[in-house]
Amino acid sequence: MKWIATILLILALLLLWRMMFMGYRGRALQQKKEFPRPLGSRDWKGLRDAVDGVYVSTTDAENALDRIAAHGLGTRSAVSMGFVAEGVGLLRQGARSFVIPTADIVGVGHGPGMVGKWMGREKGLVVLRWKLGERVVDTGIKPRHPAEGARFAEQVEELVRTKDQQKPTDGSGGAQ
C-alpha cells in the first residue's frame, strides 16, 4: 500500500513540474511577440575590461518581479560582462550571449537583489537599465568581486554620460 502512495506522490510531483515548465515556456513564447531579440556581437574576442560574475535575470523596470523569459533573458548563467564595439557585451555560458547597444543604455546602478537572487547588501548587484524595443528593462549581474563591479558600473556611467553629451541639443535630432 505504501508503494502505491509513493508512486502517486511521484506522479503528482512530475505533473506539477510539467505544469510549471509549460507555464514558463508559454510565458517566453508570449513575450517573444512583445520583445525583440537582443543583438549579438560580431566580435566576442574584442570584449575588453571584462568582469566575471553571475547573470541573475532581466526584469521589467517598472515591475521588478516581472522576469523577462523571452530569448533566454530569464535564464541564470555565468557571465563575463565587458565592452564591445556595439556597447556592453554579456558573454554568457550555457545561455545566449547578447549586447546592450550604447544608444539603448539608460543608466546603471546597484541593488541588494532582484527576482532570482537576493543579496541583502546594498550594492550586491550591478543593475543595467536599458531599452529593449519600446520597454525599459533592468538586467542584474552579481560580480565575482564587488570592487570590479563598482569599477564596471563607473565605466558604464561614463559611457552614458559621453553618449548624452553627444546628442544634439537644438531639438532637430540631427535630421533635416
N, C-alpha and C. Protein backbone atom coordinates (compact mmCIF):
# COMPACT_ATOMS: atom_id res chain seq x y z
N MET A 1 0.81 -1.19 0.00
CA MET A 1 0.00 0.00 0.00
C MET A 1 0.86 1.27 0.00
N LYS A 2 2.02 1.20 0.70
CA LYS A 2 2.92 2.36 0.73
C LYS A 2 3.48 2.65 -0.66
N TRP A 3 3.77 1.63 -1.41
CA TRP A 3 4.36 1.84 -2.72
C TRP A 3 3.37 2.51 -3.67
N ILE A 4 2.09 2.26 -3.51
CA ILE A 4 1.08 2.93 -4.34
C ILE A 4 1.05 4.43 -4.00
N ALA A 5 1.11 4.74 -2.72
CA ALA A 5 1.13 6.14 -2.29
C ALA A 5 2.39 6.84 -2.79
N THR A 6 3.51 6.12 -2.76
CA THR A 6 4.78 6.69 -3.24
C THR A 6 4.70 6.98 -4.73
N ILE A 7 4.16 6.05 -5.49
CA ILE A 7 4.04 6.22 -6.94
C ILE A 7 3.09 7.38 -7.25
N LEU A 8 1.98 7.48 -6.52
CA LEU A 8 1.04 8.58 -6.74
C LEU A 8 1.68 9.93 -6.41
N LEU A 9 2.48 9.98 -5.35
CA LEU A 9 3.17 11.21 -4.98
C LEU A 9 4.18 11.61 -6.05
N ILE A 10 4.93 10.66 -6.55
CA ILE A 10 5.91 10.93 -7.61
C ILE A 10 5.20 11.42 -8.87
N LEU A 11 4.10 10.78 -9.24
CA LEU A 11 3.35 11.22 -10.42
C LEU A 11 2.79 12.63 -10.23
N ALA A 12 2.30 12.93 -9.03
CA ALA A 12 1.78 14.27 -8.76
C ALA A 12 2.88 15.31 -8.86
N LEU A 13 4.06 15.01 -8.35
CA LEU A 13 5.19 15.94 -8.44
C LEU A 13 5.64 16.13 -9.88
N LEU A 14 5.67 15.06 -10.65
CA LEU A 14 6.04 15.17 -12.07
C LEU A 14 5.02 16.00 -12.83
N LEU A 15 3.75 15.82 -12.53
CA LEU A 15 2.70 16.61 -13.17
C LEU A 15 2.84 18.09 -12.80
N LEU A 16 3.10 18.38 -11.55
CA LEU A 16 3.30 19.75 -11.10
C LEU A 16 4.50 20.39 -11.78
N TRP A 17 5.62 19.65 -11.85
CA TRP A 17 6.81 20.15 -12.53
C TRP A 17 6.51 20.44 -14.00
N ARG A 18 5.80 19.54 -14.66
CA ARG A 18 5.44 19.70 -16.07
C ARG A 18 4.58 20.96 -16.28
N MET A 19 3.64 21.18 -15.38
CA MET A 19 2.77 22.35 -15.49
C MET A 19 3.57 23.65 -15.32
N MET A 20 4.52 23.66 -14.39
CA MET A 20 5.37 24.84 -14.20
C MET A 20 6.22 25.09 -15.44
N PHE A 21 6.79 24.04 -16.00
CA PHE A 21 7.62 24.15 -17.20
C PHE A 21 6.79 24.69 -18.37
N MET A 22 5.60 24.16 -18.56
CA MET A 22 4.75 24.61 -19.66
C MET A 22 4.33 26.07 -19.47
N GLY A 23 4.08 26.47 -18.24
CA GLY A 23 3.71 27.86 -17.96
C GLY A 23 4.86 28.80 -18.29
N TYR A 24 6.08 28.45 -17.90
CA TYR A 24 7.24 29.30 -18.18
C TYR A 24 7.50 29.36 -19.68
N ARG A 25 7.38 28.22 -20.34
CA ARG A 25 7.59 28.19 -21.79
C ARG A 25 6.54 29.02 -22.51
N GLY A 26 5.30 28.94 -22.06
CA GLY A 26 4.23 29.75 -22.65
C GLY A 26 4.48 31.23 -22.45
N ARG A 27 4.98 31.58 -21.27
CA ARG A 27 5.30 32.98 -20.98
C ARG A 27 6.41 33.47 -21.92
N ALA A 28 7.43 32.64 -22.13
CA ALA A 28 8.53 33.01 -23.03
C ALA A 28 8.02 33.19 -24.45
N LEU A 29 7.14 32.30 -24.91
CA LEU A 29 6.61 32.42 -26.27
C LEU A 29 5.77 33.68 -26.42
N GLN A 30 4.97 34.00 -25.40
CA GLN A 30 4.17 35.22 -25.45
C GLN A 30 5.05 36.47 -25.47
N GLN A 31 6.10 36.47 -24.65
CA GLN A 31 6.97 37.63 -24.57
C GLN A 31 7.81 37.80 -25.83
N LYS A 32 8.04 36.74 -26.59
CA LYS A 32 8.80 36.87 -27.84
C LYS A 32 8.08 37.79 -28.81
N LYS A 33 6.74 37.89 -28.68
CA LYS A 33 5.97 38.80 -29.52
C LYS A 33 6.15 40.25 -29.05
N GLU A 34 6.36 40.44 -27.74
CA GLU A 34 6.50 41.78 -27.16
C GLU A 34 7.90 42.35 -27.28
N PHE A 35 8.90 41.49 -27.12
CA PHE A 35 10.29 41.94 -27.02
C PHE A 35 11.10 41.47 -28.22
N PRO A 36 11.84 42.38 -28.85
CA PRO A 36 12.73 41.94 -29.93
C PRO A 36 13.91 41.16 -29.35
N ARG A 37 14.52 40.37 -30.18
CA ARG A 37 15.68 39.61 -29.75
C ARG A 37 16.87 40.56 -29.58
N PRO A 38 17.56 40.48 -28.44
CA PRO A 38 18.73 41.35 -28.25
C PRO A 38 19.81 41.05 -29.29
N LEU A 39 20.62 42.05 -29.57
CA LEU A 39 21.70 41.90 -30.54
C LEU A 39 22.79 40.97 -30.02
N GLY A 40 23.46 40.33 -30.95
CA GLY A 40 24.65 39.56 -30.63
C GLY A 40 25.86 40.35 -31.11
N SER A 41 27.02 40.02 -30.60
CA SER A 41 28.23 40.73 -31.03
C SER A 41 28.85 40.03 -32.22
N ARG A 42 29.51 40.80 -33.04
CA ARG A 42 30.25 40.21 -34.15
C ARG A 42 31.65 39.80 -33.72
N ASP A 43 32.11 40.34 -32.60
CA ASP A 43 33.49 40.10 -32.18
C ASP A 43 33.59 39.94 -30.67
N TRP A 44 33.34 38.72 -30.17
CA TRP A 44 33.44 38.49 -28.72
C TRP A 44 34.90 38.48 -28.27
N LYS A 45 35.83 38.29 -29.21
CA LYS A 45 37.25 38.34 -28.84
C LYS A 45 37.66 39.75 -28.45
N GLY A 46 36.88 40.73 -28.91
CA GLY A 46 37.16 42.13 -28.60
C GLY A 46 36.57 42.58 -27.27
N LEU A 47 36.04 41.66 -26.47
CA LEU A 47 35.46 42.01 -25.17
C LEU A 47 36.58 42.54 -24.28
N ARG A 48 36.45 43.79 -23.84
CA ARG A 48 37.50 44.41 -23.04
C ARG A 48 36.96 44.84 -21.68
N ASP A 49 37.87 44.99 -20.73
CA ASP A 49 37.52 45.34 -19.35
C ASP A 49 36.48 44.39 -18.77
N ALA A 50 36.64 43.10 -19.06
CA ALA A 50 35.65 42.10 -18.65
C ALA A 50 35.65 41.88 -17.14
N VAL A 51 34.44 41.69 -16.62
CA VAL A 51 34.22 41.39 -15.21
C VAL A 51 33.40 40.10 -15.16
N ASP A 52 33.88 39.11 -14.43
CA ASP A 52 33.18 37.84 -14.32
C ASP A 52 32.16 37.90 -13.20
N GLY A 53 31.09 37.14 -13.37
CA GLY A 53 30.07 37.09 -12.34
C GLY A 53 28.95 36.15 -12.72
N VAL A 54 27.78 36.40 -12.15
CA VAL A 54 26.59 35.61 -12.41
C VAL A 54 25.51 36.52 -12.98
N TYR A 55 25.00 36.15 -14.15
CA TYR A 55 23.86 36.84 -14.73
C TYR A 55 22.64 36.37 -13.97
N VAL A 56 21.94 37.28 -13.31
CA VAL A 56 20.79 36.90 -12.48
C VAL A 56 19.53 36.81 -13.33
N SER A 57 19.11 37.91 -13.91
CA SER A 57 17.94 37.92 -14.78
C SER A 57 17.73 39.31 -15.35
N THR A 58 16.76 39.39 -16.23
CA THR A 58 16.30 40.66 -16.76
C THR A 58 14.83 40.79 -16.39
N THR A 59 14.46 41.95 -15.85
CA THR A 59 13.08 42.18 -15.43
C THR A 59 12.57 43.48 -16.03
N ASP A 60 11.27 43.65 -16.01
CA ASP A 60 10.66 44.91 -16.42
C ASP A 60 11.07 45.97 -15.41
N ALA A 61 11.52 47.13 -15.88
CA ALA A 61 11.99 48.17 -14.97
C ALA A 61 10.87 48.72 -14.10
N GLU A 62 9.64 48.70 -14.59
CA GLU A 62 8.51 49.21 -13.81
C GLU A 62 7.97 48.19 -12.82
N ASN A 63 8.24 46.92 -13.06
CA ASN A 63 7.75 45.86 -12.18
C ASN A 63 8.90 44.89 -11.93
N ALA A 64 9.58 45.07 -10.83
CA ALA A 64 10.80 44.30 -10.55
C ALA A 64 10.55 42.80 -10.40
N LEU A 65 9.30 42.39 -10.22
CA LEU A 65 9.00 40.96 -10.08
C LEU A 65 8.61 40.30 -11.40
N ASP A 66 8.57 41.08 -12.46
CA ASP A 66 8.17 40.57 -13.78
C ASP A 66 9.41 40.20 -14.59
N ARG A 67 9.82 38.94 -14.46
CA ARG A 67 11.01 38.46 -15.16
C ARG A 67 10.72 38.33 -16.65
N ILE A 68 11.67 38.74 -17.47
CA ILE A 68 11.55 38.59 -18.92
C ILE A 68 12.09 37.21 -19.28
N ALA A 69 11.21 36.35 -19.78
CA ALA A 69 11.60 34.97 -20.09
C ALA A 69 12.00 34.81 -21.55
N ALA A 70 11.58 35.72 -22.41
CA ALA A 70 11.84 35.60 -23.85
C ALA A 70 13.33 35.65 -24.16
N HIS A 71 13.72 34.94 -25.19
CA HIS A 71 15.09 34.96 -25.74
C HIS A 71 16.14 34.56 -24.70
N GLY A 72 15.76 33.80 -23.69
CA GLY A 72 16.71 33.35 -22.67
C GLY A 72 17.12 34.41 -21.67
N LEU A 73 16.42 35.56 -21.65
CA LEU A 73 16.81 36.64 -20.75
C LEU A 73 16.50 36.33 -19.29
N GLY A 74 15.68 35.33 -19.02
CA GLY A 74 15.37 34.96 -17.65
C GLY A 74 16.23 33.83 -17.13
N THR A 75 17.16 33.35 -17.93
CA THR A 75 17.99 32.20 -17.57
C THR A 75 19.23 32.65 -16.82
N ARG A 76 19.40 32.12 -15.63
CA ARG A 76 20.58 32.43 -14.82
C ARG A 76 21.79 31.71 -15.41
N SER A 77 22.94 32.38 -15.42
CA SER A 77 24.14 31.78 -16.01
C SER A 77 25.39 32.52 -15.54
N ALA A 78 26.53 31.88 -15.77
CA ALA A 78 27.81 32.56 -15.56
C ALA A 78 27.98 33.56 -16.70
N VAL A 79 28.62 34.69 -16.40
CA VAL A 79 28.74 35.74 -17.41
C VAL A 79 30.08 36.46 -17.28
N SER A 80 30.56 36.92 -18.42
CA SER A 80 31.67 37.89 -18.46
C SER A 80 31.07 39.12 -19.10
N MET A 81 31.01 40.21 -18.35
CA MET A 81 30.45 41.44 -18.91
C MET A 81 31.60 42.41 -19.17
N GLY A 82 31.51 43.05 -20.31
CA GLY A 82 32.56 43.97 -20.69
C GLY A 82 32.08 44.85 -21.82
N PHE A 83 33.00 45.45 -22.51
CA PHE A 83 32.66 46.39 -23.56
C PHE A 83 33.08 45.82 -24.91
N VAL A 84 32.19 45.93 -25.88
CA VAL A 84 32.47 45.57 -27.27
C VAL A 84 32.17 46.80 -28.11
N ALA A 85 32.45 46.75 -29.39
CA ALA A 85 32.26 47.91 -30.25
C ALA A 85 30.82 48.42 -30.23
N GLU A 86 29.85 47.51 -30.11
CA GLU A 86 28.44 47.89 -30.16
C GLU A 86 27.91 48.46 -28.86
N GLY A 87 28.58 48.17 -27.72
CA GLY A 87 28.09 48.63 -26.42
C GLY A 87 28.60 47.74 -25.30
N VAL A 88 27.69 47.35 -24.40
CA VAL A 88 28.04 46.48 -23.28
C VAL A 88 27.72 45.05 -23.67
N GLY A 89 28.72 44.19 -23.64
CA GLY A 89 28.55 42.80 -24.02
C GLY A 89 28.41 41.90 -22.81
N LEU A 90 27.47 40.97 -22.88
CA LEU A 90 27.26 39.97 -21.83
C LEU A 90 27.51 38.60 -22.45
N LEU A 91 28.72 38.10 -22.26
CA LEU A 91 29.13 36.81 -22.80
C LEU A 91 28.77 35.75 -21.77
N ARG A 92 27.71 34.98 -22.04
CA ARG A 92 27.15 34.05 -21.08
C ARG A 92 27.55 32.61 -21.40
N GLN A 93 27.67 31.81 -20.35
CA GLN A 93 27.97 30.39 -20.51
C GLN A 93 26.69 29.61 -20.32
N GLY A 94 26.32 28.79 -21.31
CA GLY A 94 25.13 27.97 -21.21
C GLY A 94 23.85 28.71 -21.53
N ALA A 95 23.94 29.93 -22.00
CA ALA A 95 22.76 30.71 -22.39
C ALA A 95 23.19 31.67 -23.51
N ARG A 96 22.21 32.24 -24.19
CA ARG A 96 22.50 33.12 -25.32
C ARG A 96 23.18 34.41 -24.86
N SER A 97 24.34 34.70 -25.43
CA SER A 97 25.06 35.94 -25.16
C SER A 97 24.40 37.07 -25.95
N PHE A 98 24.51 38.28 -25.44
CA PHE A 98 23.92 39.41 -26.15
C PHE A 98 24.65 40.70 -25.81
N VAL A 99 24.31 41.74 -26.58
CA VAL A 99 24.92 43.05 -26.43
C VAL A 99 23.82 44.06 -26.15
N ILE A 100 24.09 44.95 -25.20
CA ILE A 100 23.22 46.09 -24.96
C ILE A 100 23.83 47.26 -25.73
N PRO A 101 23.20 47.70 -26.82
CA PRO A 101 23.77 48.79 -27.60
C PRO A 101 23.93 50.06 -26.77
N THR A 102 24.99 50.79 -27.01
CA THR A 102 25.26 52.02 -26.27
C THR A 102 24.06 52.97 -26.32
N ALA A 103 23.43 53.10 -27.46
CA ALA A 103 22.29 54.02 -27.61
C ALA A 103 21.11 53.61 -26.74
N ASP A 104 21.00 52.33 -26.37
CA ASP A 104 19.86 51.85 -25.59
C ASP A 104 20.09 51.87 -24.08
N ILE A 105 21.31 52.15 -23.64
CA ILE A 105 21.59 52.16 -22.20
C ILE A 105 20.99 53.41 -21.59
N VAL A 106 20.17 53.22 -20.57
CA VAL A 106 19.54 54.33 -19.87
C VAL A 106 20.36 54.72 -18.65
N GLY A 107 20.88 53.73 -17.95
CA GLY A 107 21.67 54.01 -16.76
C GLY A 107 22.18 52.73 -16.12
N VAL A 108 22.87 52.91 -15.01
CA VAL A 108 23.42 51.77 -14.27
C VAL A 108 23.33 52.11 -12.80
N GLY A 109 23.17 51.09 -11.99
CA GLY A 109 23.10 51.31 -10.56
C GLY A 109 23.47 50.03 -9.82
N HIS A 110 23.24 50.06 -8.54
CA HIS A 110 23.49 48.90 -7.70
C HIS A 110 22.22 48.59 -6.95
N GLY A 111 22.06 47.34 -6.57
CA GLY A 111 20.89 46.96 -5.81
C GLY A 111 21.18 45.78 -4.91
N PRO A 112 20.33 45.58 -3.91
CA PRO A 112 20.52 44.46 -2.99
C PRO A 112 20.08 43.13 -3.59
N GLY A 113 19.34 43.16 -4.69
CA GLY A 113 18.90 41.93 -5.32
C GLY A 113 17.78 42.18 -6.30
N MET A 114 17.37 41.12 -6.94
CA MET A 114 16.22 41.16 -7.85
C MET A 114 15.67 39.76 -7.95
N VAL A 115 14.59 39.60 -8.68
CA VAL A 115 13.96 38.29 -8.82
C VAL A 115 15.02 37.26 -9.20
N GLY A 116 15.16 36.22 -8.46
CA GLY A 116 16.14 35.18 -8.75
C GLY A 116 17.37 35.23 -7.88
N LYS A 117 17.67 36.36 -7.25
CA LYS A 117 18.86 36.47 -6.41
C LYS A 117 18.69 37.65 -5.46
N TRP A 118 18.75 37.39 -4.18
CA TRP A 118 18.69 38.45 -3.19
C TRP A 118 19.95 38.38 -2.36
N MET A 119 20.70 39.48 -2.37
CA MET A 119 21.99 39.52 -1.68
C MET A 119 21.86 40.07 -0.27
N GLY A 120 20.95 41.03 -0.09
CA GLY A 120 20.80 41.65 1.20
C GLY A 120 21.78 42.80 1.44
N ARG A 121 22.79 42.92 0.59
CA ARG A 121 23.73 44.03 0.69
C ARG A 121 23.29 45.10 -0.30
N GLU A 122 23.48 46.34 0.09
CA GLU A 122 23.00 47.46 -0.72
C GLU A 122 23.59 47.45 -2.13
N LYS A 123 24.84 47.08 -2.27
CA LYS A 123 25.49 47.10 -3.58
C LYS A 123 25.88 45.69 -4.04
N GLY A 124 25.01 44.72 -3.79
CA GLY A 124 25.32 43.34 -4.15
C GLY A 124 25.29 43.06 -5.64
N LEU A 125 24.40 43.75 -6.37
CA LEU A 125 24.26 43.52 -7.80
C LEU A 125 24.54 44.80 -8.58
N VAL A 126 25.08 44.63 -9.78
CA VAL A 126 25.16 45.73 -10.75
C VAL A 126 23.90 45.61 -11.60
N VAL A 127 23.12 46.68 -11.69
CA VAL A 127 21.86 46.66 -12.43
C VAL A 127 21.97 47.63 -13.61
N LEU A 128 21.92 47.06 -14.81
CA LEU A 128 21.95 47.85 -16.04
C LEU A 128 20.52 48.12 -16.47
N ARG A 129 20.17 49.38 -16.68
CA ARG A 129 18.84 49.75 -17.16
C ARG A 129 18.99 50.12 -18.63
N TRP A 130 18.16 49.49 -19.48
CA TRP A 130 18.28 49.70 -20.92
C TRP A 130 16.95 49.48 -21.61
N LYS A 131 16.89 49.93 -22.87
CA LYS A 131 15.66 49.80 -23.66
C LYS A 131 15.75 48.55 -24.51
N LEU A 132 14.74 47.70 -24.37
CA LEU A 132 14.59 46.51 -25.21
C LEU A 132 13.32 46.73 -26.02
N GLY A 133 13.49 47.16 -27.25
CA GLY A 133 12.33 47.55 -28.04
C GLY A 133 11.79 48.86 -27.48
N GLU A 134 10.51 48.86 -27.14
CA GLU A 134 9.87 50.06 -26.59
C GLU A 134 9.85 50.06 -25.07
N ARG A 135 10.27 48.97 -24.43
CA ARG A 135 10.19 48.86 -22.97
C ARG A 135 11.56 49.04 -22.34
N VAL A 136 11.56 49.55 -21.12
CA VAL A 136 12.78 49.70 -20.36
C VAL A 136 12.87 48.51 -19.41
N VAL A 137 14.04 47.86 -19.40
CA VAL A 137 14.25 46.67 -18.58
C VAL A 137 15.50 46.85 -17.71
N ASP A 138 15.58 46.05 -16.67
CA ASP A 138 16.75 46.02 -15.79
C ASP A 138 17.40 44.65 -15.89
N THR A 139 18.70 44.62 -16.04
CA THR A 139 19.46 43.38 -16.06
C THR A 139 20.40 43.38 -14.87
N GLY A 140 20.30 42.34 -14.05
CA GLY A 140 21.12 42.25 -12.85
C GLY A 140 22.26 41.26 -13.00
N ILE A 141 23.45 41.68 -12.57
CA ILE A 141 24.64 40.84 -12.60
C ILE A 141 25.30 40.92 -11.23
N LYS A 142 25.61 39.76 -10.68
CA LYS A 142 26.35 39.72 -9.42
C LYS A 142 27.81 39.49 -9.76
N PRO A 143 28.64 40.53 -9.63
CA PRO A 143 30.06 40.37 -9.96
C PRO A 143 30.76 39.46 -8.94
N ARG A 144 31.74 38.73 -9.41
CA ARG A 144 32.51 37.85 -8.52
C ARG A 144 33.21 38.66 -7.44
N HIS A 145 33.74 39.82 -7.83
CA HIS A 145 34.43 40.70 -6.89
C HIS A 145 33.71 42.05 -6.89
N PRO A 146 33.14 42.48 -5.75
CA PRO A 146 32.37 43.73 -5.70
C PRO A 146 33.14 44.95 -6.20
N ALA A 147 34.43 45.02 -5.94
CA ALA A 147 35.22 46.18 -6.38
C ALA A 147 35.25 46.26 -7.91
N GLU A 148 35.35 45.11 -8.57
CA GLU A 148 35.32 45.10 -10.04
C GLU A 148 33.96 45.54 -10.55
N GLY A 149 32.90 45.13 -9.87
CA GLY A 149 31.56 45.54 -10.25
C GLY A 149 31.38 47.04 -10.13
N ALA A 150 31.92 47.63 -9.07
CA ALA A 150 31.84 49.08 -8.88
C ALA A 150 32.61 49.81 -9.98
N ARG A 151 33.78 49.29 -10.33
CA ARG A 151 34.58 49.89 -11.41
C ARG A 151 33.84 49.80 -12.74
N PHE A 152 33.23 48.65 -13.01
CA PHE A 152 32.48 48.46 -14.25
C PHE A 152 31.30 49.43 -14.31
N ALA A 153 30.59 49.58 -13.20
CA ALA A 153 29.44 50.50 -13.16
C ALA A 153 29.89 51.93 -13.45
N GLU A 154 31.04 52.32 -12.92
CA GLU A 154 31.57 53.66 -13.18
C GLU A 154 31.88 53.84 -14.67
N GLN A 155 32.42 52.79 -15.30
CA GLN A 155 32.72 52.86 -16.73
C GLN A 155 31.44 52.99 -17.55
N VAL A 156 30.39 52.27 -17.15
CA VAL A 156 29.12 52.38 -17.87
C VAL A 156 28.52 53.77 -17.67
N GLU A 157 28.61 54.31 -16.45
CA GLU A 157 28.13 55.67 -16.20
C GLU A 157 28.84 56.67 -17.10
N GLU A 158 30.14 56.51 -17.26
CA GLU A 158 30.91 57.40 -18.14
C GLU A 158 30.46 57.23 -19.59
N LEU A 159 30.19 55.99 -20.01
CA LEU A 159 29.71 55.72 -21.36
C LEU A 159 28.36 56.43 -21.58
N VAL A 160 27.46 56.36 -20.62
CA VAL A 160 26.15 57.02 -20.73
C VAL A 160 26.32 58.54 -20.76
N ARG A 161 27.19 59.06 -19.91
CA ARG A 161 27.43 60.50 -19.87
C ARG A 161 27.98 60.98 -21.22
N THR A 162 28.92 60.25 -21.77
CA THR A 162 29.50 60.61 -23.07
C THR A 162 28.44 60.55 -24.16
N LYS A 163 27.61 59.51 -24.12
CA LYS A 163 26.54 59.36 -25.12
C LYS A 163 25.56 60.52 -25.03
N ASP A 164 25.19 60.92 -23.81
CA ASP A 164 24.25 62.02 -23.63
C ASP A 164 24.83 63.36 -24.08
N GLN A 165 26.13 63.54 -23.92
CA GLN A 165 26.77 64.79 -24.34
C GLN A 165 26.86 64.89 -25.85
N GLN A 166 26.86 63.75 -26.53
CA GLN A 166 26.97 63.76 -27.99
C GLN A 166 25.64 63.98 -28.68
N LYS A 167 24.51 63.91 -27.93
CA LYS A 167 23.20 64.14 -28.54
C LYS A 167 23.06 65.62 -28.91
N PRO A 168 22.42 65.89 -30.05
CA PRO A 168 22.18 67.29 -30.42
C PRO A 168 21.20 67.92 -29.42
N THR A 169 21.44 69.17 -29.05
CA THR A 169 20.61 69.84 -28.08
C THR A 169 19.66 70.85 -28.71
N ASP A 170 19.71 71.02 -30.03
CA ASP A 170 18.83 72.01 -30.68
C ASP A 170 17.44 71.46 -30.98
N GLY A 171 17.19 70.17 -30.65
CA GLY A 171 15.87 69.58 -30.86
C GLY A 171 15.67 69.06 -32.26
N SER A 172 16.63 69.27 -33.16
CA SER A 172 16.44 68.81 -34.53
C SER A 172 16.76 67.33 -34.68
N GLY A 173 17.47 66.73 -33.71
CA GLY A 173 17.83 65.33 -33.77
C GLY A 173 18.84 65.02 -34.85
N GLY A 174 19.38 66.05 -35.49
CA GLY A 174 20.41 65.84 -36.50
C GLY A 174 19.85 65.56 -37.88
N ALA A 175 18.52 65.38 -38.00
CA ALA A 175 17.91 65.09 -39.30
C ALA A 175 17.32 66.36 -39.88
N GLN A 176 17.31 66.46 -41.19
CA GLN A 176 16.73 67.64 -41.84
C GLN A 176 15.68 67.24 -42.80
